[in-house]
Amino acid sequence: MKYSVLADTYVRLEKVSSKLEKTRIVAELLKETHVEILSKVVLLLDGRVFPPWSGEELGVKDQLILRSIQKAYGVKADDSVQAFKKTGDLGSATELFASSKKQVTLGKKELSIDKVFSNLQDLAKQTGEGSQERKLSLIAELLSQAQPIEARYIIRTILYNLRVGVAEGLIRDAIVNAFLLKDGTTKEDKAKLTEIVEYALNILSDFGEVAKIAKEKGIEGLRKVRPELGKPIQVMLAEKAESIEEPFEEFKTVIIETKYDGARIQCHKKGDKIWLYTRRLENVTNQFPDLVELCKKGLKAGNYIIEGEVLAINPKTGRPMPFQRLSQRIHRKYDIEKMIKEIPIQMNIFDVLYLDGKIQFDKPLKERRKILEKIVKKIPEKFQLAKKIITDDPKKAEEFYQMSLKSGQEGIMIKVVDSPYVFGRHVGGWYKIKPIMETLDLVVVGATWGEGKRSKWLSSYMLACRDPDTGKFLRCGMMSTGLTEKEYDMITKTLKPLIVKEIGKDVVLKPKIVVETGYQEIQKSTNYESGFALRFPRLVRIRDDRGPDDADTIERLAKLYESQGREG
């Protein structure tokens, strides 16, 4: 298939806002795509050339794109930079130079999907000395052969900034429409077909593979999808309960587990090979060789998928350290042995999803827990089952909750004893109980233009507290959730007149707007001038009644940090 067919589809998608129309356009393309390249096309529609869990990164920054433009089109460095500043989008800047280049292109070979996909995947393979020059050549080769529209989307794909408004749910619906719908399909039947596709996606975590199965094998093929060891599956999520008593009102007996202040890790084993994935399906196997060894020693099973919570442990006190200490290990790519000594870990296992060839999803939680009790060989203070009680008494649950908090953990999980493992967040399975944190009034000092359907809005906001001594605003977090589309539109209109500088998609704002902000936790951080970072900040409301001088101070952030009861 010619890459121009995909580029034309991108153009059509950018021009429409209706989700139904976008779904129809994508489904139309999928129907026309040969099965041999279908998985590639689906990934490219999602702006990728690797599944999210692969761990592969193209590793291309703006400066390398600018150099590629200069090499492909023979333009001066200043001209490429100015075009970027003018458009605010390197894809559009590249398109401008592709449109104005003077060299003869008559008889030029047209780009194929395979060629673009191959070159982009090769970017991730370039490492070591001379890798940047090799990446430069791979990009420039594509640009020199690309039509202007093609050049726009090649660059946006490289930068993970496709901006055509195709989200994962839309691709799922397009797969249903393209390969499973028949004449006369009812609304109820379509919902069931969507569930079947969703199930396969949850197992494989790869839209391209699911589309290929749907086209070749239909509904039955999707129903027979099984976990592939080494490929992460989507996780079950908990609902937030307003009180400990709430779940007991519906369910008589429950399992109460400690909710650990760590990272949820999914462990896969096949033969002698072990893989580790985060809740976001990031491959962190290389960052945790010590956990790999613990799994080998502590699990009496051949092949499996188990889940647990990894904690950072203070080597001097044996007490849990804050999550941000563990996150240093998650994001570290080098000096691993040093990090193992500085930030040792503890694994607390709470579920088994696959064991020696058998899926465990549909078994009730109490049975899955019994399986774990048989296969987990405890390694004291290093590798163990999550602490739990089974009770029908809310008072005992409250006692367990207080014990968990005193031990430095986040709270508790309340789980229905007969609940199966259901992907995503569903009522009637798991509930989480955590202390309610005080909100903060913070100033918006920067923002970032969104992607896809949010491209017309400023949709991520840099938050800052106030230094009462200097009058400066000190950054303490980036907020990107908690707003409706109406609020995104409103706050964008409010912030646009306050823009004082633009750097690509990022803008610097005059500090004027105050927002009440909720958050999960305050962490120590060197990324922001305040020395703190809010974990999962969310908008509570815009404080029209407050000005920047009324914003919370750095002292209040420090006080709230200390009051969390965390060691750190």
Protein backbone atom coordinates (compact mmCIF):
# COMPACT_ATOMS: atom_id res chain seq x y z
CA MET A 1 0.00 0.00 0.00
CA LYS A 2 1.22 3.51 -0.80
CA TYR A 3 1.92 5.73 2.20
CA SER A 4 -0.02 8.48 0.40
CA VAL A 5 -3.24 6.50 1.06
CA LEU A 6 -2.59 6.71 4.80
CA ALA A 7 -1.56 10.37 4.57
CA ASP A 8 -4.79 11.21 2.76
CA THR A 9 -6.69 9.43 5.54
CA TYR A 10 -4.87 11.55 8.12
CA VAL A 11 -5.97 14.67 6.27
CA ARG A 12 -9.60 13.53 6.26
CA LEU A 13 -9.42 12.72 9.96
CA GLU A 14 -8.00 16.15 10.81
CA LYS A 15 -10.85 17.87 9.00
CA VAL A 16 -13.69 16.21 10.91
CA SER A 17 -14.55 16.38 14.61
CA SER A 18 -17.35 13.81 14.75
CA LYS A 19 -16.26 10.57 16.42
CA LEU A 20 -18.73 8.61 14.27
CA GLU A 21 -17.31 10.08 11.07
CA LYS A 22 -13.73 9.44 12.18
CA THR A 23 -14.66 5.84 13.02
CA ARG A 24 -16.21 5.42 9.58
CA ILE A 25 -13.07 6.78 7.88
CA VAL A 26 -10.75 4.47 9.83
CA ALA A 27 -13.00 1.44 9.27
CA GLU A 28 -13.05 2.19 5.54
CA LEU A 29 -9.23 2.20 5.47
CA LEU A 30 -8.97 -1.03 7.46
CA LYS A 31 -11.31 -2.82 5.06
CA GLU A 32 -9.12 -1.81 2.11
CA THR A 33 -5.85 -2.82 3.80
CA HIS A 34 -4.26 -6.17 2.97
CA VAL A 35 -3.90 -8.42 6.01
CA GLU A 36 -0.10 -8.58 5.60
CA ILE A 37 0.32 -4.89 6.47
CA LEU A 38 -2.83 -4.39 8.54
CA SER A 39 -1.02 -4.44 11.88
CA LYS A 40 1.41 -1.77 10.61
CA VAL A 41 -1.41 0.47 9.39
CA VAL A 42 -3.26 0.19 12.70
CA LEU A 43 -0.14 1.12 14.66
CA LEU A 44 0.50 4.08 12.35
CA LEU A 45 -3.10 5.25 12.82
CA ASP A 46 -2.30 5.37 16.53
CA GLY A 47 0.85 7.38 15.75
CA ARG A 48 3.21 4.49 16.60
CA VAL A 49 5.50 1.93 15.03
CA PHE A 50 5.81 -0.22 18.18
CA PRO A 51 3.15 -1.39 20.65
CA PRO A 52 3.23 0.83 23.78
CA TRP A 53 4.60 -2.00 25.94
CA SER A 54 7.54 -2.84 23.71
CA GLY A 55 9.93 -0.48 25.46
CA GLU A 56 11.28 0.62 22.06
CA GLU A 57 11.81 4.37 21.63
CA LEU A 58 12.65 6.28 18.45
CA GLY A 59 14.78 8.68 20.47
CA VAL A 60 14.42 11.67 18.14
CA LYS A 61 14.37 15.25 19.44
CA ASP A 62 13.35 18.49 17.74
CA GLN A 63 16.93 19.46 16.89
CA LEU A 64 17.50 16.27 14.92
CA ILE A 65 14.30 16.91 12.95
CA LEU A 66 15.51 20.41 12.12
CA ARG A 67 18.81 18.99 10.88
CA SER A 68 16.91 16.41 8.82
CA ILE A 69 14.90 19.19 7.17
CA GLN A 70 18.11 21.02 6.35
CA LYS A 71 19.68 17.90 4.84
CA ALA A 72 16.64 16.75 2.87
CA TYR A 73 15.71 20.12 1.40
CA GLY A 74 19.01 22.02 1.41
CA VAL A 75 17.72 24.86 3.58
CA LYS A 76 19.61 27.02 6.05
CA ALA A 77 19.46 26.32 9.77
CA ASP A 78 17.91 29.72 10.53
CA ASP A 79 15.17 29.16 7.96
CA SER A 80 14.14 25.81 9.47
CA VAL A 81 14.08 27.27 12.97
CA GLN A 82 12.00 30.25 11.87
CA ALA A 83 9.51 27.98 10.08
CA PHE A 84 9.15 25.95 13.27
CA LYS A 85 8.53 29.09 15.33
CA LYS A 86 6.00 30.34 12.79
CA THR A 87 3.95 27.13 12.60
CA GLY A 88 4.52 25.79 16.13
CA ASP A 89 4.56 22.30 14.58
CA LEU A 90 7.57 20.60 13.04
CA GLY A 91 5.30 18.51 10.81
CA SER A 92 3.78 21.62 9.25
CA ALA A 93 7.20 23.27 8.98
CA THR A 94 8.54 20.24 7.11
CA GLU A 95 5.53 20.35 4.79
CA LEU A 96 6.34 23.96 3.89
CA PHE A 97 9.86 23.10 2.75
CA ALA A 98 8.68 19.97 0.94
CA SER A 99 6.20 22.14 -0.98
CA SER A 100 8.75 24.77 -1.97
CA LYS A 101 11.76 22.60 -2.84
CA LYS A 102 13.01 23.18 -6.39
CA GLN A 103 14.55 19.83 -7.23
CA VAL A 104 12.86 17.74 -9.92
CA THR A 105 10.73 14.91 -8.53
CA LEU A 106 9.39 13.54 -11.82
CA GLY A 107 9.64 9.76 -11.87
CA LYS A 108 10.46 9.60 -8.16
CA LYS A 109 9.53 6.31 -6.50
CA GLU A 110 6.47 6.63 -4.27
CA LEU A 111 6.79 5.83 -0.59
CA SER A 112 5.14 2.65 0.67
CA ILE A 113 3.78 1.83 4.12
CA ASP A 114 6.49 -0.81 4.45
CA LYS A 115 9.29 1.65 3.65
CA VAL A 116 8.09 4.29 6.11
CA PHE A 117 7.44 1.71 8.81
CA SER A 118 10.84 0.07 8.28
CA ASN A 119 12.80 3.33 8.41
CA LEU A 120 10.97 4.50 11.53
CA GLN A 121 11.52 1.20 13.34
CA ASP A 122 15.20 1.35 12.38
CA LEU A 123 15.48 4.65 14.26
CA ALA A 124 15.08 2.74 17.53
CA LYS A 125 17.89 0.34 16.58
CA GLN A 126 20.50 3.08 16.23
CA THR A 127 22.64 3.23 19.37
CA GLY A 128 26.18 4.11 20.33
CA GLU A 129 28.70 6.24 18.49
CA GLY A 130 27.37 7.77 15.28
CA SER A 131 23.75 6.84 16.06
CA GLN A 132 22.45 10.40 15.64
CA GLU A 133 23.96 10.69 12.16
CA ARG A 134 22.44 7.35 11.16
CA LYS A 135 19.04 8.50 12.44
CA LEU A 136 19.49 11.73 10.50
CA SER A 137 20.06 9.76 7.29
CA LEU A 138 17.02 7.53 7.86
CA ILE A 139 14.72 10.53 8.35
CA ALA A 140 16.22 12.59 5.52
CA GLU A 141 15.85 9.61 3.15
CA LEU A 142 12.10 9.50 3.82
CA LEU A 143 11.69 13.27 3.54
CA SER A 144 13.55 13.43 0.23
CA GLN A 145 11.07 10.91 -1.23
CA ALA A 146 7.94 12.23 0.47
CA GLN A 147 5.22 14.42 -0.93
CA PRO A 148 4.48 17.50 1.24
CA ILE A 149 1.49 15.96 3.02
CA GLU A 150 3.43 12.74 3.60
CA ALA A 151 6.33 14.70 5.09
CA ARG A 152 3.97 16.37 7.57
CA TYR A 153 2.78 13.07 9.02
CA ILE A 154 6.12 11.28 8.91
CA ILE A 155 7.57 13.94 11.21
CA ARG A 156 4.52 13.97 13.49
CA THR A 157 4.72 10.17 13.80
CA ILE A 158 8.40 10.34 14.71
CA LEU A 159 7.60 12.90 17.43
CA TYR A 160 4.53 10.99 18.74
CA ASN A 161 2.38 13.99 17.89
CA LEU A 162 0.07 12.83 15.09
CA ARG A 163 -2.80 15.22 15.99
CA VAL A 164 -5.57 13.55 13.96
CA GLY A 165 -7.87 12.73 16.87
CA VAL A 166 -7.69 8.94 16.72
CA ALA A 167 -7.85 7.53 20.25
CA GLU A 168 -7.75 3.87 21.25
CA GLY A 169 -11.51 3.61 21.69
CA LEU A 170 -12.03 4.88 18.16
CA ILE A 171 -9.68 2.24 16.70
CA ARG A 172 -11.54 -0.43 18.68
CA ASP A 173 -14.89 0.71 17.23
CA ALA A 174 -13.41 0.87 13.73
CA ILE A 175 -12.24 -2.76 14.03
CA VAL A 176 -15.79 -3.74 14.98
CA ASN A 177 -17.29 -1.82 12.06
CA ALA A 178 -14.75 -3.04 9.53
CA PHE A 179 -14.68 -6.77 10.26
CA LEU A 180 -17.50 -7.86 12.57
CA LEU A 181 -20.68 -5.94 11.75
CA LYS A 182 -23.21 -7.61 9.49
CA ASP A 183 -26.38 -6.27 7.91
CA GLY A 184 -29.14 -6.13 10.48
CA THR A 185 -26.83 -6.09 13.52
CA THR A 186 -28.77 -4.64 16.46
CA LYS A 187 -27.44 -2.08 18.90
CA GLU A 188 -27.28 -4.76 21.60
CA ASP A 189 -25.36 -7.14 19.32
CA LYS A 190 -22.91 -4.37 18.41
CA ALA A 191 -22.27 -3.75 22.11
CA LYS A 192 -21.46 -7.46 22.54
CA LEU A 193 -19.09 -7.36 19.55
CA THR A 194 -17.36 -4.35 21.09
CA GLU A 195 -16.91 -6.29 24.33
CA ILE A 196 -15.32 -9.17 22.40
CA VAL A 197 -12.82 -6.82 20.73
CA GLU A 198 -12.19 -5.10 24.06
CA TYR A 199 -11.46 -8.47 25.67
CA ALA A 200 -8.89 -9.33 22.99
CA LEU A 201 -7.29 -5.89 23.33
CA ASN A 202 -7.05 -6.32 27.09
CA ILE A 203 -5.24 -9.62 26.62
CA LEU A 204 -2.87 -8.69 23.77
CA SER A 205 -2.43 -4.93 24.33
CA ASP A 206 -1.79 -4.60 20.59
CA PHE A 207 -4.39 -3.03 18.28
CA GLY A 208 -2.55 -4.21 15.19
CA GLU A 209 -2.62 -7.86 16.25
CA VAL A 210 -6.30 -7.65 17.26
CA ALA A 211 -7.26 -6.10 13.91
CA LYS A 212 -5.41 -8.87 12.07
CA ILE A 213 -7.22 -11.58 14.07
CA ALA A 214 -10.58 -9.87 13.52
CA LYS A 215 -10.03 -9.73 9.75
CA GLU A 216 -8.69 -13.28 9.38
CA LYS A 217 -10.60 -15.25 12.04
CA GLY A 218 -13.57 -13.08 13.04
CA ILE A 219 -15.46 -13.32 16.32
CA GLU A 220 -14.35 -16.85 17.19
CA GLY A 221 -10.72 -15.95 16.67
CA LEU A 222 -11.03 -13.03 19.07
CA ARG A 223 -12.81 -15.16 21.67
CA LYS A 224 -9.96 -17.69 21.62
CA VAL A 225 -7.28 -15.09 22.31
CA ARG A 226 -5.05 -16.14 25.19
CA PRO A 227 -2.29 -14.34 27.09
CA GLU A 228 1.12 -14.40 25.44
CA LEU A 229 3.82 -14.56 28.08
CA GLY A 230 6.09 -11.58 27.60
CA LYS A 231 3.24 -9.34 26.41
CA PRO A 232 1.53 -7.41 29.25
CA ILE A 233 -2.22 -7.55 29.78
CA GLN A 234 -4.42 -4.68 30.94
CA VAL A 235 -4.98 -4.53 34.68
CA MET A 236 -8.06 -4.50 36.90
CA LEU A 237 -8.65 -1.17 38.62
CA ALA A 238 -10.34 -0.23 41.86
CA GLU A 239 -13.25 2.12 42.48
CA LYS A 240 -12.87 4.76 45.16
CA ALA A 241 -15.16 4.14 48.15
CA GLU A 242 -16.39 7.08 50.21
CA SER A 243 -16.03 5.12 53.44
CA ILE A 244 -14.97 1.75 54.79
CA GLU A 245 -18.61 0.95 55.55
CA GLU A 246 -19.78 1.49 51.95
CA PRO A 247 -18.69 -1.90 50.45
CA PHE A 248 -20.07 -3.74 53.49
CA GLU A 249 -23.55 -2.38 52.70
CA GLU A 250 -23.61 -4.56 49.56
CA PHE A 251 -21.18 -7.38 50.29
CA LYS A 252 -21.26 -9.32 53.57
CA THR A 253 -17.71 -10.71 53.63
CA VAL A 254 -14.71 -9.06 51.97
CA ILE A 255 -10.96 -9.39 51.70
CA ILE A 256 -9.05 -6.41 53.08
CA GLU A 257 -5.51 -5.90 51.76
CA THR A 258 -2.92 -3.25 52.51
CA LYS A 259 -2.74 -0.64 49.73
CA TYR A 260 0.99 -0.20 49.37
CA ASP A 261 2.71 3.07 48.48
CA GLY A 262 4.65 1.57 45.61
CA ALA A 263 4.48 0.55 41.99
CA ARG A 264 2.13 -2.10 40.68
CA ILE A 265 4.17 -4.67 38.76
CA GLN A 266 3.01 -7.45 36.46
CA CYS A 267 5.48 -10.38 36.33
CA HIS A 268 5.57 -12.84 33.42
CA LYS A 269 7.62 -16.04 33.32
CA LYS A 270 8.11 -18.42 30.42
CA GLY A 271 10.79 -21.03 30.87
CA ASP A 272 13.87 -19.21 32.16
CA LYS A 273 12.73 -15.81 30.86
CA ILE A 274 11.05 -13.21 33.10
CA TRP A 275 9.50 -9.89 32.11
CA LEU A 276 8.32 -7.06 34.39
CA TYR A 277 5.72 -4.43 33.45
CA THR A 278 4.22 -1.44 35.24
CA ARG A 279 0.52 -0.65 35.47
CA ARG A 280 1.01 1.52 32.34
CA LEU A 281 2.53 -1.55 30.60
CA GLU A 282 6.06 -0.11 30.57
CA ASN A 283 8.77 -2.77 30.40
CA VAL A 284 11.00 -2.31 33.47
CA THR A 285 12.72 -5.70 33.45
CA ASN A 286 16.17 -4.16 33.06
CA GLN A 287 15.60 -1.73 35.93
CA PHE A 288 14.78 -4.51 38.42
CA PRO A 289 17.19 -7.45 38.04
CA ASP A 290 16.82 -7.99 41.80
CA LEU A 291 13.07 -8.55 41.39
CA VAL A 292 13.75 -10.98 38.54
CA GLU A 293 15.92 -13.02 40.92
CA LEU A 294 13.29 -12.86 43.68
CA CYS A 295 10.67 -14.21 41.27
CA LYS A 296 12.95 -17.10 40.32
CA LYS A 297 13.54 -17.99 43.97
CA GLY A 298 10.12 -17.19 45.43
CA LEU A 299 7.63 -18.69 42.97
CA LYS A 300 7.19 -22.43 42.71
CA ALA A 301 5.67 -22.46 39.21
CA GLY A 302 6.75 -22.97 35.63
CA ASN A 303 4.94 -20.34 33.58
CA TYR A 304 2.85 -17.57 35.11
CA ILE A 305 1.52 -14.02 35.20
CA ILE A 306 1.31 -12.63 38.72
CA GLU A 307 0.71 -9.12 40.07
CA GLY A 308 2.10 -7.38 43.09
CA GLU A 309 3.17 -4.08 44.55
CA VAL A 310 6.86 -3.22 44.71
CA LEU A 311 8.03 -0.98 47.55
CA ALA A 312 11.24 0.97 48.06
CA ILE A 313 12.70 0.03 51.44
CA ASN A 314 15.03 2.19 53.51
CA PRO A 315 18.16 0.00 53.89
CA LYS A 316 18.91 1.50 57.33
CA THR A 317 15.48 1.40 58.97
CA GLY A 318 13.64 -1.28 57.00
CA ARG A 319 10.73 1.15 56.64
CA PRO A 320 9.03 1.87 53.30
CA MET A 321 10.28 4.92 51.46
CA PRO A 322 8.01 7.29 49.44
CA PHE A 323 6.98 6.35 45.93
CA GLN A 324 9.21 9.01 44.37
CA ARG A 325 12.28 7.11 45.60
CA LEU A 326 11.06 4.00 43.80
CA SER A 327 10.29 6.04 40.69
CA GLN A 328 13.99 6.87 40.45
CA ARG A 329 14.60 3.18 39.81
CA ILE A 330 11.72 2.87 37.35
CA HIS A 331 13.12 5.63 35.15
CA ARG A 332 16.83 4.84 35.56
CA LYS A 333 18.48 3.23 32.53
CA TYR A 334 22.03 3.06 33.92
CA ASP A 335 23.94 2.51 37.21
CA ILE A 336 21.42 -0.22 38.03
CA GLU A 337 23.66 -2.02 40.54
CA LYS A 338 24.19 1.24 42.42
CA MET A 339 20.43 1.86 42.51
CA ILE A 340 19.80 -1.66 43.83
CA LYS A 341 22.02 -0.89 46.83
CA GLU A 342 20.61 2.60 47.43
CA ILE A 343 16.95 1.69 46.86
CA PRO A 344 16.33 -1.97 47.76
CA ILE A 345 12.84 -3.34 47.12
CA GLN A 346 10.14 -5.53 48.57
CA MET A 347 7.52 -7.38 46.49
CA ASN A 348 3.99 -7.90 47.89
CA ILE A 349 1.99 -10.27 45.66
CA PHE A 350 -1.79 -9.97 45.49
CA ASP A 351 -3.03 -11.81 42.36
CA VAL A 352 -2.36 -14.57 39.84
CA LEU A 353 -3.77 -14.24 36.31
CA TYR A 354 -2.19 -17.15 34.46
CA LEU A 355 -0.52 -20.31 35.72
CA ASP A 356 1.10 -23.20 33.83
CA GLY A 357 -1.06 -22.90 30.73
CA LYS A 358 -4.34 -22.05 32.47
CA ILE A 359 -6.12 -18.68 32.57
CA GLN A 360 -7.18 -17.69 36.09
CA PHE A 361 -9.30 -14.58 35.30
CA ASP A 362 -12.69 -16.15 35.82
CA LYS A 363 -11.88 -17.82 39.13
CA PRO A 364 -13.14 -16.01 42.24
CA LEU A 365 -10.57 -13.97 44.13
CA LYS A 366 -10.60 -16.31 47.15
CA GLU A 367 -9.50 -19.18 44.86
CA ARG A 368 -6.80 -17.10 43.20
CA ARG A 369 -5.49 -16.19 46.65
CA LYS A 370 -5.33 -19.89 47.64
CA ILE A 371 -3.33 -20.60 44.49
CA LEU A 372 -0.88 -17.89 45.47
CA GLU A 373 -0.54 -19.34 48.95
CA LYS A 374 0.56 -22.62 47.35
CA ILE A 375 3.09 -21.23 44.87
CA VAL A 376 4.66 -18.31 46.78
CA LYS A 377 7.72 -19.19 48.83
CA LYS A 378 8.15 -16.33 51.28
CA ILE A 379 11.51 -14.58 51.41
CA PRO A 380 11.25 -12.54 54.66
CA GLU A 381 10.94 -8.78 54.13
CA LYS A 382 11.73 -9.21 50.41
CA PHE A 383 9.12 -11.37 48.66
CA GLN A 384 5.75 -12.18 50.20
CA LEU A 385 1.98 -12.17 49.86
CA ALA A 386 0.20 -8.86 50.43
CA LYS A 387 -1.05 -8.52 53.99
CA LYS A 388 -4.74 -9.31 54.25
CA ILE A 389 -7.67 -10.21 56.45
CA ILE A 390 -11.07 -11.69 55.56
CA THR A 391 -13.90 -10.15 57.56
CA ASP A 392 -17.55 -9.19 57.70
CA ASP A 393 -16.90 -6.59 60.41
CA PRO A 394 -16.31 -2.93 59.38
CA LYS A 395 -14.63 -2.30 62.75
CA LYS A 396 -11.96 -4.89 62.00
CA ALA A 397 -11.53 -3.30 58.57
CA GLU A 398 -11.02 0.08 60.28
CA GLU A 399 -8.37 -1.41 62.58
CA PHE A 400 -6.56 -2.94 59.57
CA TYR A 401 -6.78 0.44 57.80
CA GLN A 402 -5.17 2.30 60.70
CA MET A 403 -2.46 -0.36 60.95
CA SER A 404 -1.68 0.05 57.23
CA LEU A 405 -1.40 3.83 57.58
CA LYS A 406 0.88 3.53 60.62
CA SER A 407 3.17 1.21 58.69
CA GLY A 408 3.69 3.99 56.13
CA GLN A 409 1.32 2.71 53.43
CA GLU A 410 -1.41 4.47 51.43
CA GLY A 411 -4.48 2.78 52.88
CA ILE A 412 -6.40 -0.40 52.10
CA MET A 413 -8.04 -2.30 49.25
CA ILE A 414 -11.44 -3.84 49.90
CA LYS A 415 -12.05 -6.75 47.52
CA VAL A 416 -15.15 -8.87 47.02
CA VAL A 417 -14.23 -12.48 47.82
CA ASP A 418 -16.05 -13.97 44.80
CA SER A 419 -15.00 -11.31 42.27
CA PRO A 420 -13.35 -12.44 39.02
CA TYR A 421 -10.47 -10.48 37.51
CA VAL A 422 -12.17 -7.93 35.23
CA PHE A 423 -10.03 -5.62 33.09
CA GLY A 424 -10.41 -1.91 33.72
CA ARG A 425 -12.49 -0.27 36.43
CA HIS A 426 -15.76 -2.03 37.28
CA VAL A 427 -18.27 -1.74 40.10
CA GLY A 428 -18.54 -4.74 42.39
CA GLY A 429 -14.92 -5.87 42.49
CA TRP A 430 -12.26 -3.80 44.18
CA TYR A 431 -12.52 -0.63 46.27
CA LYS A 432 -9.77 1.61 47.59
CA ILE A 433 -9.74 3.61 50.80
CA LYS A 434 -7.18 6.38 51.32
CA PRO A 435 -6.98 9.51 53.48
CA ILE A 436 -8.45 12.63 51.91
CA MET A 437 -5.70 15.16 51.17
CA GLU A 438 -6.17 18.91 51.60
CA THR A 439 -6.47 20.89 48.37
CA LEU A 440 -4.09 23.65 47.28
CA ASP A 441 -4.72 26.99 45.60
CA LEU A 442 -2.05 27.30 42.90
CA VAL A 443 -1.25 29.66 40.02
CA VAL A 444 -1.16 28.54 36.37
CA VAL A 445 2.21 29.72 35.02
CA GLY A 446 2.48 27.66 31.82
CA ALA A 447 0.55 25.31 29.54
CA THR A 448 0.84 22.98 26.58
CA TRP A 449 -1.35 22.78 23.49
CA GLY A 450 -3.22 19.47 23.33
CA GLU A 451 -3.25 16.71 20.74
CA GLY A 452 -5.97 15.26 18.55
CA LYS A 453 -9.37 16.69 19.34
CA ARG A 454 -7.74 18.80 22.09
CA SER A 455 -5.29 20.47 19.71
CA LYS A 456 -7.32 23.70 19.80
CA TRP A 457 -7.08 23.87 23.58
CA LEU A 458 -4.39 24.42 26.17
CA SER A 459 -4.91 21.11 27.94
CA SER A 460 -1.97 20.66 30.32
CA TYR A 461 -1.24 23.31 32.94
CA MET A 462 1.95 24.07 34.85
CA LEU A 463 1.12 24.86 38.47
CA ALA A 464 3.11 26.97 40.91
CA CYS A 465 3.04 27.95 44.56
CA ARG A 466 4.14 31.36 45.89
CA ASP A 467 7.37 32.31 47.60
CA PRO A 468 6.24 35.04 50.02
CA ASP A 469 9.80 36.29 50.46
CA THR A 470 10.65 36.90 46.80
CA GLY A 471 7.19 37.11 45.24
CA LYS A 472 8.25 34.46 42.71
CA PHE A 473 6.06 31.56 41.65
CA LEU A 474 7.72 28.18 42.05
CA ARG A 475 6.58 25.30 39.87
CA CYS A 476 5.28 22.21 41.65
CA GLY A 477 3.40 20.09 39.12
CA MET A 478 1.68 19.63 35.76
CA MET A 479 -2.09 19.12 35.73
CA SER A 480 -3.86 17.54 32.76
CA THR A 481 -7.02 15.95 34.17
CA GLY A 482 -10.25 17.03 35.82
CA LEU A 483 -11.72 19.28 33.11
CA THR A 484 -14.70 18.88 30.82
CA GLU A 485 -14.51 19.94 27.17
CA LYS A 486 -16.47 23.06 28.08
CA GLU A 487 -13.94 23.87 30.80
CA TYR A 488 -10.99 23.25 28.45
CA ASP A 489 -12.53 25.74 26.03
CA MET A 490 -13.24 28.26 28.77
CA ILE A 491 -9.81 28.08 30.42
CA THR A 492 -8.07 28.28 27.02
CA LYS A 493 -9.94 31.50 26.23
CA THR A 494 -8.94 32.81 29.66
CA LEU A 495 -5.26 31.86 29.33
CA LYS A 496 -4.56 32.83 25.69
CA PRO A 497 -4.34 36.59 26.42
CA LEU A 498 -1.85 35.78 29.19
CA ILE A 499 0.69 34.06 26.86
CA VAL A 500 4.03 35.84 27.04
CA LYS A 501 6.19 33.29 25.20
CA GLU A 502 5.75 30.21 23.01
CA ILE A 503 8.27 27.38 22.63
CA GLY A 504 6.88 24.78 20.24
CA LYS A 505 3.67 23.51 21.86
CA ASP A 506 4.58 24.96 25.27
CA VAL A 507 3.58 28.43 26.40
CA VAL A 508 4.70 30.63 29.29
CA LEU A 509 1.86 32.51 31.00
CA LYS A 510 1.55 35.65 33.03
CA PRO A 511 0.70 34.38 36.55
CA LYS A 512 -2.90 35.43 37.09
CA ILE A 513 -5.28 32.45 37.17
CA VAL A 514 -5.63 30.53 40.45
CA VAL A 515 -6.99 26.98 40.54
CA GLU A 516 -7.98 24.83 43.51
CA THR A 517 -6.05 21.59 43.02
CA GLY A 518 -6.50 18.11 44.43
CA TYR A 519 -3.72 15.55 44.36
CA GLN A 520 -2.79 12.09 45.56
CA GLU A 521 0.46 12.99 47.29
CA ILE A 522 3.18 15.62 47.61
CA GLN A 523 6.63 14.32 46.71
CA LYS A 524 10.14 15.70 46.98
CA SER A 525 11.40 16.58 43.51
CA THR A 526 14.39 18.18 41.81
CA ASN A 527 12.38 18.77 38.63
CA TYR A 528 10.70 21.91 39.96
CA GLU A 529 12.07 25.04 41.67
CA SER A 530 9.79 24.49 44.66
CA GLY A 531 11.54 21.23 45.50
CA PHE A 532 8.16 19.46 45.50
CA ALA A 533 5.92 17.74 42.95
CA LEU A 534 2.22 16.93 43.17
CA ARG A 535 1.40 13.34 42.27
CA PHE A 536 -1.68 13.11 40.00
CA PRO A 537 -2.88 16.73 40.43
CA ARG A 538 -6.46 17.37 39.34
CA LEU A 539 -8.67 20.42 38.97
CA VAL A 540 -11.23 20.96 41.70
CA ARG A 541 -12.34 24.41 40.56
CA ILE A 542 -11.08 27.71 39.17
CA ARG A 543 -10.80 30.25 41.99
CA ASP A 544 -12.24 33.37 40.40
CA ASP A 545 -12.35 34.86 43.88
CA ARG A 546 -8.59 34.69 44.35
CA GLY A 547 -5.64 36.40 42.76
CA PRO A 548 -2.03 35.21 42.48
CA ASP A 549 -1.11 36.89 45.77
CA ASP A 550 -3.68 34.67 47.50
CA ALA A 551 -2.08 31.45 46.23
CA ASP A 552 -0.68 28.93 48.69
CA THR A 553 2.92 29.42 49.70
CA ILE A 554 5.94 27.13 49.55
CA GLU A 555 5.72 26.88 53.36
CA ARG A 556 2.25 25.35 53.16
CA LEU A 557 3.44 22.77 50.61
CA ALA A 558 6.30 21.85 52.94
CA LYS A 559 3.96 21.58 55.91
CA LEU A 560 1.51 19.34 54.02
CA TYR A 561 4.40 17.21 52.80
CA GLU A 562 5.58 16.65 56.38
CA SER A 563 2.04 15.92 57.59
CA GLN A 564 1.64 13.01 55.16
CA GLY A 565 3.38 10.73 57.62
CA ARG A 566 5.77 9.43 54.99
CA GLU A 567 9.44 8.76 55.57
CA GLY A 568 11.59 10.79 53.25
